[in-house]
Amino acid sequence: MNNNTGNTIIALLTGAVIGAGIGLLYAPEKGEDTRKKIKKKAKEAQQEMERQLKETQADMSHKLSEAKSRFDSNLENALSSMSYKSEDIIEALESKLKDLKAQTHKLQK
């Protein structure tokens, strides 16, 4: 779930709770009944928000796990590539050193 979807859902839930609360306050019922309804609606809203929070946490955990896996894979590939390149550089340097030693040997004669 992306951030905009989460914000939209929270805004809708908040609006629904506020609307229900206002509707209950203007309802022609006894105060005790109205308070019970408000308490029930608040509990339902709390449960829905807790569900959304758990869903968002699970989604973020999954995305974090995927990102870590991609990072580890990319790091392994980069290190492997660097290893091959360093071996090529060492071989090239050893070849140059061999050539230089041969030229030095010729000059000393």
PDB file of N, CA and C in Angstrom:
ATOM      1  N   MET A   1       0.853  -1.157   0.000  1.00  0.00           N
ATOM      2  CA  MET A   1       0.000   0.000   0.000  1.00  0.00           C
ATOM      3  C   MET A   1       0.897   1.217   0.000  1.00  0.00           C
ATOM      4  N   ASN A   2       0.631   2.158  -0.889  1.00  0.00           N
ATOM      5  CA  ASN A   2       1.487   3.331  -0.899  1.00  0.00           C
ATOM      6  C   ASN A   2       0.982   4.349   0.107  1.00  0.00           C
ATOM      7  N   ASN A   3       1.751   5.395   0.325  1.00  0.00           N
ATOM      8  CA  ASN A   3       1.463   6.384   1.347  1.00  0.00           C
ATOM      9  C   ASN A   3       0.160   7.114   1.078  1.00  0.00           C
ATOM     10  N   ASN A   4      -0.129   7.431  -0.192  1.00  0.00           N
ATOM     11  CA  ASN A   4      -1.363   8.138  -0.518  1.00  0.00           C
ATOM     12  C   ASN A   4      -2.584   7.303  -0.191  1.00  0.00           C
ATOM     13  N   THR A   5      -2.524   6.019  -0.462  1.00  0.00           N
ATOM     14  CA  THR A   5      -3.647   5.138  -0.158  1.00  0.00           C
ATOM     15  C   THR A   5      -3.867   5.084   1.349  1.00  0.00           C
ATOM     16  N   GLY A   6      -2.797   4.955   2.103  1.00  0.00           N
ATOM     17  CA  GLY A   6      -2.902   4.925   3.564  1.00  0.00           C
ATOM     18  C   GLY A   6      -3.483   6.209   4.112  1.00  0.00           C
ATOM     19  N   ASN A   7      -3.019   7.346   3.590  1.00  0.00           N
ATOM     20  CA  ASN A   7      -3.543   8.637   4.035  1.00  0.00           C
ATOM     21  C   ASN A   7      -5.016   8.783   3.687  1.00  0.00           C
ATOM     22  N   THR A   8      -5.394   8.316   2.510  1.00  0.00           N
ATOM     23  CA  THR A   8      -6.794   8.402   2.090  1.00  0.00           C
ATOM     24  C   THR A   8      -7.673   7.564   3.004  1.00  0.00           C
ATOM     25  N   ILE A   9      -7.239   6.357   3.303  1.00  0.00           N
ATOM     26  CA  ILE A   9      -8.019   5.475   4.176  1.00  0.00           C
ATOM     27  C   ILE A   9      -8.155   6.085   5.566  1.00  0.00           C
ATOM     28  N   ILE A  10      -7.069   6.627   6.091  1.00  0.00           N
ATOM     29  CA  ILE A  10      -7.119   7.252   7.417  1.00  0.00           C
ATOM     30  C   ILE A  10      -8.061   8.455   7.397  1.00  0.00           C
ATOM     31  N   ALA A  11      -8.000   9.251   6.335  1.00  0.00           N
ATOM     32  CA  ALA A  11      -8.878  10.410   6.230  1.00  0.00           C
ATOM     33  C   ALA A  11     -10.349   9.968   6.163  1.00  0.00           C
ATOM     34  N   LEU A  12     -10.624   8.930   5.396  1.00  0.00           N
ATOM     35  CA  LEU A  12     -11.999   8.434   5.299  1.00  0.00           C
ATOM     36  C   LEU A  12     -12.496   7.899   6.639  1.00  0.00           C
ATOM     37  N   LEU A  13     -11.654   7.146   7.324  1.00  0.00           N
ATOM     38  CA  LEU A  13     -12.039   6.622   8.639  1.00  0.00           C
ATOM     39  C   LEU A  13     -12.276   7.743   9.643  1.00  0.00           C
ATOM     40  N   THR A  14     -11.392   8.727   9.630  1.00  0.00           N
ATOM     41  CA  THR A  14     -11.550   9.855  10.538  1.00  0.00           C
ATOM     42  C   THR A  14     -12.842  10.600  10.248  1.00  0.00           C
ATOM     43  N   GLY A  15     -13.112  10.829   8.964  1.00  0.00           N
ATOM     44  CA  GLY A  15     -14.357  11.500   8.583  1.00  0.00           C
ATOM     45  C   GLY A  15     -15.581  10.707   8.986  1.00  0.00           C
ATOM     46  N   ALA A  16     -15.503   9.390   8.822  1.00  0.00           N
ATOM     47  CA  ALA A  16     -16.638   8.539   9.190  1.00  0.00           C
ATOM     48  C   ALA A  16     -16.887   8.591  10.693  1.00  0.00           C
ATOM     49  N   VAL A  17     -15.810   8.547  11.478  1.00  0.00           N
ATOM     50  CA  VAL A  17     -15.958   8.597  12.932  1.00  0.00           C
ATOM     51  C   VAL A  17     -16.518   9.940  13.368  1.00  0.00           C
ATOM     52  N   ILE A  18     -15.993  11.012  12.800  1.00  0.00           N
ATOM     53  CA  ILE A  18     -16.493  12.337  13.154  1.00  0.00           C
ATOM     54  C   ILE A  18     -17.957  12.483  12.756  1.00  0.00           C
ATOM     55  N   GLY A  19     -18.277  12.029  11.541  1.00  0.00           N
ATOM     56  CA  GLY A  19     -19.670  12.099  11.083  1.00  0.00           C
ATOM     57  C   GLY A  19     -20.601  11.285  11.962  1.00  0.00           C
ATOM     58  N   ALA A  20     -20.161  10.097  12.323  1.00  0.00           N
ATOM     59  CA  ALA A  20     -20.990   9.252  13.193  1.00  0.00           C
ATOM     60  C   ALA A  20     -21.152   9.899  14.557  1.00  0.00           C
ATOM     61  N   GLY A  21     -20.084  10.484  15.051  1.00  0.00           N
ATOM     62  CA  GLY A  21     -20.153  11.164  16.353  1.00  0.00           C
ATOM     63  C   GLY A  21     -21.115  12.323  16.340  1.00  0.00           C
ATOM     64  N   ILE A  22     -21.039  13.130  15.301  1.00  0.00           N
ATOM     65  CA  ILE A  22     -21.956  14.279  15.190  1.00  0.00           C
ATOM     66  C   ILE A  22     -23.393  13.790  15.045  1.00  0.00           C
ATOM     67  N   GLY A  23     -23.582  12.756  14.235  1.00  0.00           N
ATOM     68  CA  GLY A  23     -24.924  12.198  14.065  1.00  0.00           C
ATOM     69  C   GLY A  23     -25.485  11.679  15.371  1.00  0.00           C
ATOM     70  N   LEU A  24     -24.654  11.047  16.152  1.00  0.00           N
ATOM     71  CA  LEU A  24     -25.105  10.522  17.440  1.00  0.00           C
ATOM     72  C   LEU A  24     -25.426  11.643  18.430  1.00  0.00           C
ATOM     73  N   LEU A  25     -24.636  12.706  18.372  1.00  0.00           N
ATOM     74  CA  LEU A  25     -24.886  13.823  19.294  1.00  0.00           C
ATOM     75  C   LEU A  25     -26.231  14.489  19.014  1.00  0.00           C
ATOM     76  N   TYR A  26     -26.644  14.496  17.767  1.00  0.00           N
ATOM     77  CA  TYR A  26     -27.918  15.121  17.409  1.00  0.00           C
ATOM     78  C   TYR A  26     -29.075  14.117  17.390  1.00  0.00           C
ATOM     79  N   ALA A  27     -28.802  12.878  17.700  1.00  0.00           N
ATOM     80  CA  ALA A  27     -29.841  11.860  17.692  1.00  0.00           C
ATOM     81  C   ALA A  27     -30.763  12.054  18.897  1.00  0.00           C
ATOM     82  N   PRO A  28     -32.038  11.819  18.706  1.00  0.00           N
ATOM     83  CA  PRO A  28     -32.997  12.005  19.808  1.00  0.00           C
ATOM     84  C   PRO A  28     -33.068  10.763  20.710  1.00  0.00           C
ATOM     85  N   GLU A  29     -31.946  10.414  21.339  1.00  0.00           N
ATOM     86  CA  GLU A  29     -31.908   9.264  22.229  1.00  0.00           C
ATOM     87  C   GLU A  29     -31.410   9.708  23.596  1.00  0.00           C
ATOM     88  N   LYS A  30     -31.521   8.806  24.554  1.00  0.00           N
ATOM     89  CA  LYS A  30     -31.023   9.107  25.886  1.00  0.00           C
ATOM     90  C   LYS A  30     -29.501   9.262  25.825  1.00  0.00           C
ATOM     91  N   GLY A  31     -28.977  10.060  26.721  1.00  0.00           N
ATOM     92  CA  GLY A  31     -27.541  10.307  26.762  1.00  0.00           C
ATOM     93  C   GLY A  31     -26.741   9.038  26.965  1.00  0.00           C
ATOM     94  N   GLU A  32     -27.248   8.140  27.799  1.00  0.00           N
ATOM     95  CA  GLU A  32     -26.541   6.888  28.071  1.00  0.00           C
ATOM     96  C   GLU A  32     -26.437   6.045  26.807  1.00  0.00           C
ATOM     97  N   ASP A  33     -27.530   5.966  26.031  1.00  0.00           N
ATOM     98  CA  ASP A  33     -27.516   5.214  24.779  1.00  0.00           C
ATOM     99  C   ASP A  33     -26.558   5.850  23.778  1.00  0.00           C
ATOM    100  N   THR A  34     -26.573   7.162  23.731  1.00  0.00           N
ATOM    101  CA  THR A  34     -25.692   7.884  22.808  1.00  0.00           C
ATOM    102  C   THR A  34     -24.233   7.639  23.174  1.00  0.00           C
ATOM    103  N   ARG A  35     -23.917   7.700  24.467  1.00  0.00           N
ATOM    104  CA  ARG A  35     -22.533   7.453  24.915  1.00  0.00           C
ATOM    105  C   ARG A  35     -22.099   6.035  24.569  1.00  0.00           C
ATOM    106  N   LYS A  36     -22.989   5.057  24.702  1.00  0.00           N
ATOM    107  CA  LYS A  36     -22.667   3.681  24.351  1.00  0.00           C
ATOM    108  C   LYS A  36     -22.373   3.560  22.860  1.00  0.00           C
ATOM    109  N   LYS A  37     -23.173   4.236  22.049  1.00  0.00           N
ATOM    110  CA  LYS A  37     -22.951   4.182  20.597  1.00  0.00           C
ATOM    111  C   LYS A  37     -21.624   4.848  20.233  1.00  0.00           C
ATOM    112  N   ILE A  38     -21.342   5.980  20.873  1.00  0.00           N
ATOM    113  CA  ILE A  38     -20.073   6.675  20.596  1.00  0.00           C
ATOM    114  C   ILE A  38     -18.905   5.779  20.991  1.00  0.00           C
ATOM    115  N   LYS A  39     -19.014   5.136  22.143  1.00  0.00           N
ATOM    116  CA  LYS A  39     -17.947   4.249  22.604  1.00  0.00           C
ATOM    117  C   LYS A  39     -17.764   3.084  21.631  1.00  0.00           C
ATOM    118  N   LYS A  40     -18.873   2.524  21.155  1.00  0.00           N
ATOM    119  CA  LYS A  40     -18.806   1.407  20.212  1.00  0.00           C
ATOM    120  C   LYS A  40     -18.146   1.848  18.909  1.00  0.00           C
ATOM    121  N   LYS A  41     -18.559   2.992  18.385  1.00  0.00           N
ATOM    122  CA  LYS A  41     -17.979   3.491  17.123  1.00  0.00           C
ATOM    123  C   LYS A  41     -16.498   3.811  17.297  1.00  0.00           C
ATOM    124  N   ALA A  42     -16.138   4.377  18.435  1.00  0.00           N
ATOM    125  CA  ALA A  42     -14.727   4.695  18.676  1.00  0.00           C
ATOM    126  C   ALA A  42     -13.907   3.413  18.729  1.00  0.00           C
ATOM    127  N   LYS A  43     -14.446   2.382  19.377  1.00  0.00           N
ATOM    128  CA  LYS A  43     -13.738   1.100  19.453  1.00  0.00           C
ATOM    129  C   LYS A  43     -13.589   0.496  18.061  1.00  0.00           C
ATOM    130  N   GLU A  44     -14.643   0.571  17.232  1.00  0.00           N
ATOM    131  CA  GLU A  44     -14.568   0.049  15.865  1.00  0.00           C
ATOM    132  C   GLU A  44     -13.510   0.806  15.062  1.00  0.00           C
ATOM    133  N   ALA A  45     -13.478   2.123  15.218  1.00  0.00           N
ATOM    134  CA  ALA A  45     -12.479   2.933  14.505  1.00  0.00           C
ATOM    135  C   ALA A  45     -11.068   2.581  14.972  1.00  0.00           C
ATOM    136  N   GLN A  46     -10.916   2.364  16.274  1.00  0.00           N
ATOM    137  CA  GLN A  46      -9.610   1.986  16.805  1.00  0.00           C
ATOM    138  C   GLN A  46      -9.160   0.645  16.231  1.00  0.00           C
ATOM    139  N   GLN A  47     -10.062  -0.311  16.183  1.00  0.00           N
ATOM    140  CA  GLN A  47      -9.729  -1.625  15.642  1.00  0.00           C
ATOM    141  C   GLN A  47      -9.356  -1.531  14.165  1.00  0.00           C
ATOM    142  N   GLU A  48     -10.083  -0.711  13.410  1.00  0.00           N
ATOM    143  CA  GLU A  48      -9.777  -0.545  11.986  1.00  0.00           C
ATOM    144  C   GLU A  48      -8.409   0.106  11.805  1.00  0.00           C
ATOM    145  N   MET A  49      -8.110   1.104  12.609  1.00  0.00           N
ATOM    146  CA  MET A  49      -6.807   1.763  12.501  1.00  0.00           C
ATOM    147  C   MET A  49      -5.686   0.808  12.898  1.00  0.00           C
ATOM    148  N   GLU A  50      -5.911  -0.025  13.909  1.00  0.00           N
ATOM    149  CA  GLU A  50      -4.906  -1.018  14.295  1.00  0.00           C
ATOM    150  C   GLU A  50      -4.682  -2.023  13.171  1.00  0.00           C
ATOM    151  N   ARG A  51      -5.770  -2.420  12.492  1.00  0.00           N
ATOM    152  CA  ARG A  51      -5.654  -3.338  11.364  1.00  0.00           C
ATOM    153  C   ARG A  51      -4.849  -2.688  10.243  1.00  0.00           C
ATOM    154  N   GLN A  52      -5.148  -1.435   9.950  1.00  0.00           N
ATOM    155  CA  GLN A  52      -4.414  -0.711   8.907  1.00  0.00           C
ATOM    156  C   GLN A  52      -2.939  -0.570   9.281  1.00  0.00           C
ATOM    157  N   LEU A  53      -2.672  -0.308  10.543  1.00  0.00           N
ATOM    158  CA  LEU A  53      -1.283  -0.173  10.996  1.00  0.00           C
ATOM    159  C   LEU A  53      -0.528  -1.484  10.814  1.00  0.00           C
ATOM    160  N   LYS A  54      -1.158  -2.597  11.202  1.00  0.00           N
ATOM    161  CA  LYS A  54      -0.517  -3.899  11.039  1.00  0.00           C
ATOM    162  C   LYS A  54      -0.275  -4.203   9.564  1.00  0.00           C
ATOM    163  N   GLU A  55      -1.240  -3.875   8.722  1.00  0.00           N
ATOM    164  CA  GLU A  55      -1.090  -4.114   7.285  1.00  0.00           C
ATOM    165  C   GLU A  55       0.049  -3.274   6.718  1.00  0.00           C
ATOM    166  N   THR A  56       0.112  -2.027   7.120  1.00  0.00           N
ATOM    167  CA  THR A  56       1.177  -1.137   6.648  1.00  0.00           C
ATOM    168  C   THR A  56       2.539  -1.617   7.141  1.00  0.00           C
ATOM    169  N   GLN A  57       2.608  -2.054   8.405  1.00  0.00           N
ATOM    170  CA  GLN A  57       3.872  -2.567   8.943  1.00  0.00           C
ATOM    171  C   GLN A  57       4.320  -3.805   8.188  1.00  0.00           C
ATOM    172  N   ALA A  58       3.379  -4.700   7.900  1.00  0.00           N
ATOM    173  CA  ALA A  58       3.730  -5.920   7.155  1.00  0.00           C
ATOM    174  C   ALA A  58       4.215  -5.562   5.755  1.00  0.00           C
ATOM    175  N   ASP A  59       3.540  -4.601   5.118  1.00  0.00           N
ATOM    176  CA  ASP A  59       3.919  -4.174   3.771  1.00  0.00           C
ATOM    177  C   ASP A  59       5.315  -3.551   3.789  1.00  0.00           C
ATOM    178  N   MET A  60       5.572  -2.690   4.758  1.00  0.00           N
ATOM    179  CA  MET A  60       6.882  -2.043   4.850  1.00  0.00           C
ATOM    180  C   MET A  60       7.971  -3.074   5.152  1.00  0.00           C
ATOM    181  N   SER A  61       7.670  -4.033   5.997  1.00  0.00           N
ATOM    182  CA  SER A  61       8.639  -5.082   6.325  1.00  0.00           C
ATOM    183  C   SER A  61       8.982  -5.888   5.081  1.00  0.00           C
ATOM    184  N   HIS A  62       7.962  -6.215   4.291  1.00  0.00           N
ATOM    185  CA  HIS A  62       8.180  -6.968   3.055  1.00  0.00           C
ATOM    186  C   HIS A  62       9.037  -6.162   2.079  1.00  0.00           C
ATOM    187  N   LYS A  63       8.713  -4.883   1.914  1.00  0.00           N
ATOM    188  CA  LYS A  63       9.487  -4.032   0.999  1.00  0.00           C
ATOM    189  C   LYS A  63      10.920  -3.873   1.482  1.00  0.00           C
ATOM    190  N   LEU A  64      11.116  -3.746   2.781  1.00  0.00           N
ATOM    191  CA  LEU A  64      12.462  -3.621   3.334  1.00  0.00           C
ATOM    192  C   LEU A  64      13.257  -4.900   3.087  1.00  0.00           C
ATOM    193  N   SER A  65      12.608  -6.029   3.261  1.00  0.00           N
ATOM    194  CA  SER A  65      13.268  -7.312   3.018  1.00  0.00           C
ATOM    195  C   SER A  65      13.680  -7.442   1.553  1.00  0.00           C
ATOM    196  N   GLU A  66      12.787  -7.047   0.648  1.00  0.00           N
ATOM    197  CA  GLU A  66      13.112  -7.101  -0.782  1.00  0.00           C
ATOM    198  C   GLU A  66      14.269  -6.166  -1.115  1.00  0.00           C
ATOM    199  N   ALA A  67      14.259  -4.956  -0.552  1.00  0.00           N
ATOM    200  CA  ALA A  67      15.327  -3.988  -0.818  1.00  0.00           C
ATOM    201  C   ALA A  67      16.663  -4.505  -0.290  1.00  0.00           C
ATOM    202  N   LYS A  68      16.653  -5.114   0.887  1.00  0.00           N
ATOM    203  CA  LYS A  68      17.888  -5.671   1.448  1.00  0.00           C
ATOM    204  C   LYS A  68      18.412  -6.792   0.562  1.00  0.00           C
ATOM    205  N   SER A  69      17.516  -7.624   0.076  1.00  0.00           N
ATOM    206  CA  SER A  69      17.917  -8.731  -0.792  1.00  0.00           C
ATOM    207  C   SER A  69      18.542  -8.193  -2.083  1.00  0.00           C
ATOM    208  N   ARG A  70      17.912  -7.173  -2.685  1.00  0.00           N
ATOM    209  CA  ARG A  70      18.462  -6.571  -3.907  1.00  0.00           C
ATOM    210  C   ARG A  70      19.824  -5.931  -3.627  1.00  0.00           C
ATOM    211  N   PHE A  71      19.951  -5.254  -2.495  1.00  0.00           N
ATOM    212  CA  PHE A  71      21.220  -4.619  -2.137  1.00  0.00           C
ATOM    213  C   PHE A  71      22.313  -5.669  -1.987  1.00  0.00           C
ATOM    214  N   ASP A  72      22.000  -6.752  -1.252  1.00  0.00           N
ATOM    215  CA  ASP A  72      22.985  -7.814  -1.060  1.00  0.00           C
ATOM    216  C   ASP A  72      23.415  -8.417  -2.391  1.00  0.00           C
ATOM    217  N   SER A  73      22.455  -8.634  -3.275  1.00  0.00           N
ATOM    218  CA  SER A  73      22.760  -9.204  -4.589  1.00  0.00           C
ATOM    219  C   SER A  73      23.635  -8.247  -5.400  1.00  0.00           C
ATOM    220  N   ASN A  74      23.267  -6.967  -5.407  1.00  0.00           N
ATOM    221  CA  ASN A  74      24.056  -5.976  -6.150  1.00  0.00           C
ATOM    222  C   ASN A  74      25.459  -5.842  -5.576  1.00  0.00           C
ATOM    223  N   LEU A  75      25.567  -5.893  -4.249  1.00  0.00           N
ATOM    224  CA  LEU A  75      26.882  -5.801  -3.613  1.00  0.00           C
ATOM    225  C   LEU A  75      27.741  -7.004  -3.996  1.00  0.00           C
ATOM    226  N   GLU A  76      27.150  -8.189  -3.962  1.00  0.00           N
ATOM    227  CA  GLU A  76      27.875  -9.407  -4.330  1.00  0.00           C
ATOM    228  C   GLU A  76      28.350  -9.331  -5.780  1.00  0.00           C
ATOM    229  N   ASN A  77      27.470  -8.857  -6.670  1.00  0.00           N
ATOM    230  CA  ASN A  77      27.852  -8.717  -8.082  1.00  0.00           C
ATOM    231  C   ASN A  77      28.989  -7.708  -8.252  1.00  0.00           C
ATOM    232  N   ALA A  78      28.903  -6.588  -7.526  1.00  0.00           N
ATOM    233  CA  ALA A  78      29.947  -5.566  -7.638  1.00  0.00           C
ATOM    234  C   ALA A  78      31.280  -6.103  -7.119  1.00  0.00           C
ATOM    235  N   LEU A  79      31.238  -6.794  -5.996  1.00  0.00           N
ATOM    236  CA  LEU A  79      32.483  -7.349  -5.443  1.00  0.00           C
ATOM    237  C   LEU A  79      33.074  -8.407  -6.368  1.00  0.00           C
ATOM    238  N   SER A  80      32.232  -9.222  -6.948  1.00  0.00           N
ATOM    239  CA  SER A  80      32.699 -10.247  -7.877  1.00  0.00           C
ATOM    240  C   SER A  80      33.342  -9.595  -9.101  1.00  0.00           C
ATOM    241  N   SER A  81      32.683  -8.578  -9.627  1.00  0.00           N
ATOM    242  CA  SER A  81      33.217  -7.864 -10.793  1.00  0.00           C
ATOM    243  C   SER A  81      34.546  -7.200 -10.456  1.00  0.00           C
ATOM    244  N   MET A  82      34.628  -6.608  -9.268  1.00  0.00           N
ATOM    245  CA  MET A  82      35.871  -5.957  -8.859  1.00  0.00           C
ATOM    246  C   MET A  82      36.991  -6.984  -8.713  1.00  0.00           C
ATOM    247  N   SER A  83      36.650  -8.152  -8.234  1.00  0.00           N
ATOM    248  CA  SER A  83      37.649  -9.202  -8.063  1.00  0.00           C
ATOM    249  C   SER A  83      38.243  -9.593  -9.410  1.00  0.00           C
ATOM    250  N   TYR A  84      37.350  -9.794 -10.409  1.00  0.00           N
ATOM    251  CA  TYR A  84      37.840 -10.146 -11.746  1.00  0.00           C
ATOM    252  C   TYR A  84      38.689  -9.026 -12.325  1.00  0.00           C
ATOM    253  N   LYS A  85      38.273  -7.797 -12.151  1.00  0.00           N
ATOM    254  CA  LYS A  85      39.025  -6.670 -12.692  1.00  0.00           C
ATOM    255  C   LYS A  85      40.372  -6.539 -11.999  1.00  0.00           C
ATOM    256  N   SER A  86      40.392  -6.754 -10.689  1.00  0.00           N
ATOM    257  CA  SER A  86      41.679  -6.644  -9.980  1.00  0.00           C
ATOM    258  C   SER A  86      42.632  -7.740 -10.438  1.00  0.00           C
ATOM    259  N   GLU A  87      42.110  -8.935 -10.724  1.00  0.00           N
ATOM    260  CA  GLU A  87      42.962 -10.005 -11.239  1.00  0.00           C
ATOM    261  C   GLU A  87      43.532  -9.622 -12.604  1.00  0.00           C
ATOM    262  N   ASP A  88      42.697  -9.012 -13.451  1.00  0.00           N
ATOM    263  CA  ASP A  88      43.168  -8.559 -14.765  1.00  0.00           C
ATOM    264  C   ASP A  88      44.249  -7.492 -14.618  1.00  0.00           C
ATOM    265  N   ILE A  89      44.062  -6.583 -13.684  1.00  0.00           N
ATOM    266  CA  ILE A  89      45.048  -5.516 -13.470  1.00  0.00           C
ATOM    267  C   ILE A  89      46.360  -6.112 -12.972  1.00  0.00           C
ATOM    268  N   ILE A  90      46.276  -7.054 -12.044  1.00  0.00           N
ATOM    269  CA  ILE A  90      47.494  -7.691 -11.516  1.00  0.00           C
ATOM    270  C   ILE A  90      48.237  -8.424 -12.630  1.00  0.00           C
ATOM    271  N   GLU A  91      47.504  -9.138 -13.476  1.00  0.00           N
ATOM    272  CA  GLU A  91      48.140  -9.847 -14.591  1.00  0.00           C
ATOM    273  C   GLU A  91      48.812  -8.861 -15.546  1.00  0.00           C
ATOM    274  N   ALA A  92      48.135  -7.733 -15.826  1.00  0.00           N
ATOM    275  CA  ALA A  92      48.718  -6.732 -16.713  1.00  0.00           C
ATOM    276  C   ALA A  92      49.985  -6.134 -16.093  1.00  0.00           C
ATOM    277  N   LEU A  93      49.945  -5.845 -14.798  1.00  0.00           N
ATOM    278  CA  LEU A  93      51.117  -5.292 -14.117  1.00  0.00           C
ATOM    279  C   LEU A  93      52.274  -6.296 -14.082  1.00  0.00           C
ATOM    280  N   GLU A  94      51.956  -7.556 -13.843  1.00  0.00           N
ATOM    281  CA  GLU A  94      53.007  -8.585 -13.841  1.00  0.00           C
ATOM    282  C   GLU A  94      53.652  -8.706 -15.223  1.00  0.00           C
ATOM    283  N   SER A  95      52.823  -8.597 -16.269  1.00  0.00           N
ATOM    284  CA  SER A  95      53.346  -8.661 -17.634  1.00  0.00           C
ATOM    285  C   SER A  95      54.264  -7.463 -17.907  1.00  0.00           C
ATOM    286  N   LYS A  96      53.844  -6.283 -17.486  1.00  0.00           N
ATOM    287  CA  LYS A  96      54.659  -5.077 -17.659  1.00  0.00           C
ATOM    288  C   LYS A  96      55.973  -5.203 -16.891  1.00  0.00           C
ATOM    289  N   LEU A  97      55.900  -5.720 -15.660  1.00  0.00           N
ATOM    290  CA  LEU A  97      57.096  -5.892 -14.862  1.00  0.00           C
ATOM    291  C   LEU A  97      58.065  -6.861 -15.529  1.00  0.00           C
ATOM    292  N   LYS A  98      57.532  -7.923 -16.093  1.00  0.00           N
ATOM    293  CA  LYS A  98      58.362  -8.900 -16.804  1.00  0.00           C
ATOM    294  C   LYS A  98      59.048  -8.228 -17.994  1.00  0.00           C
ATOM    295  N   ASP A  99      58.286  -7.419 -18.759  1.00  0.00           N
ATOM    296  CA  ASP A  99      58.858  -6.700 -19.904  1.00  0.00           C
ATOM    297  C   ASP A  99      59.947  -5.723 -19.453  1.00  0.00           C
ATOM    298  N   LEU A 100      59.680  -5.006 -18.364  1.00  0.00           N
ATOM    299  CA  LEU A 100      60.666  -4.049 -17.852  1.00  0.00           C
ATOM    300  C   LEU A 100      61.941  -4.758 -17.388  1.00  0.00           C
ATOM    301  N   LYS A 101      61.784  -5.895 -16.748  1.00  0.00           N
ATOM    302  CA  LYS A 101      62.951  -6.659 -16.307  1.00  0.00           C
ATOM    303  C   LYS A 101      63.760  -7.128 -17.518  1.00  0.00           C
ATOM    304  N   ALA A 102      63.070  -7.538 -18.580  1.00  0.00           N
ATOM    305  CA  ALA A 102      63.749  -7.978 -19.792  1.00  0.00           C
ATOM    306  C   ALA A 102      64.509  -6.812 -20.420  1.00  0.00           C
ATOM    307  N   GLN A 103      63.889  -5.627 -20.459  1.00  0.00           N
ATOM    308  CA  GLN A 103      64.569  -4.472 -21.037  1.00  0.00           C
ATOM    309  C   GLN A 103      65.771  -4.044 -20.186  1.00  0.00           C
ATOM    310  N   THR A 104      65.602  -4.102 -18.881  1.00  0.00           N
ATOM    311  CA  THR A 104      66.703  -3.756 -17.967  1.00  0.00           C
ATOM    312  C   THR A 104      67.857  -4.747 -18.163  1.00  0.00           C
ATOM    313  N   HIS A 105      67.525  -5.996 -18.312  1.00  0.00           N
ATOM    314  CA  HIS A 105      68.550  -7.026 -18.504  1.00  0.00           C
ATOM    315  C   HIS A 105      69.314  -6.765 -19.818  1.00  0.00           C
ATOM    316  N   LYS A 106      68.607  -6.359 -20.883  1.00  0.00           N
ATOM    317  CA  LYS A 106      69.255  -6.058 -22.160  1.00  0.00           C
ATOM    318  C   LYS A 106      70.167  -4.840 -22.049  1.00  0.00           C
ATOM    319  N   LEU A 107      69.702  -3.836 -21.300  1.00  0.00           N
ATOM    320  CA  LEU A 107      70.503  -2.617 -21.153  1.00  0.00           C
ATOM    321  C   LEU A 107      71.768  -2.861 -20.329  1.00  0.00           C
ATOM    322  N   GLN A 108      71.708  -3.784 -19.406  1.00  0.00           N
ATOM    323  CA  GLN A 108      72.861  -4.069 -18.559  1.00  0.00           C
ATOM    324  C   GLN A 108      73.941  -4.826 -19.298  1.00  0.00           C
ATOM    325  N   LYS A 109      73.635  -5.445 -20.401  1.00  0.00           N
ATOM    326  CA  LYS A 109      74.625  -6.213 -21.152  1.00  0.00           C
ATOM    327  C   LYS A 109      75.477  -5.358 -21.974  1.00  0.00           C
TER     328      LYS A 109
END
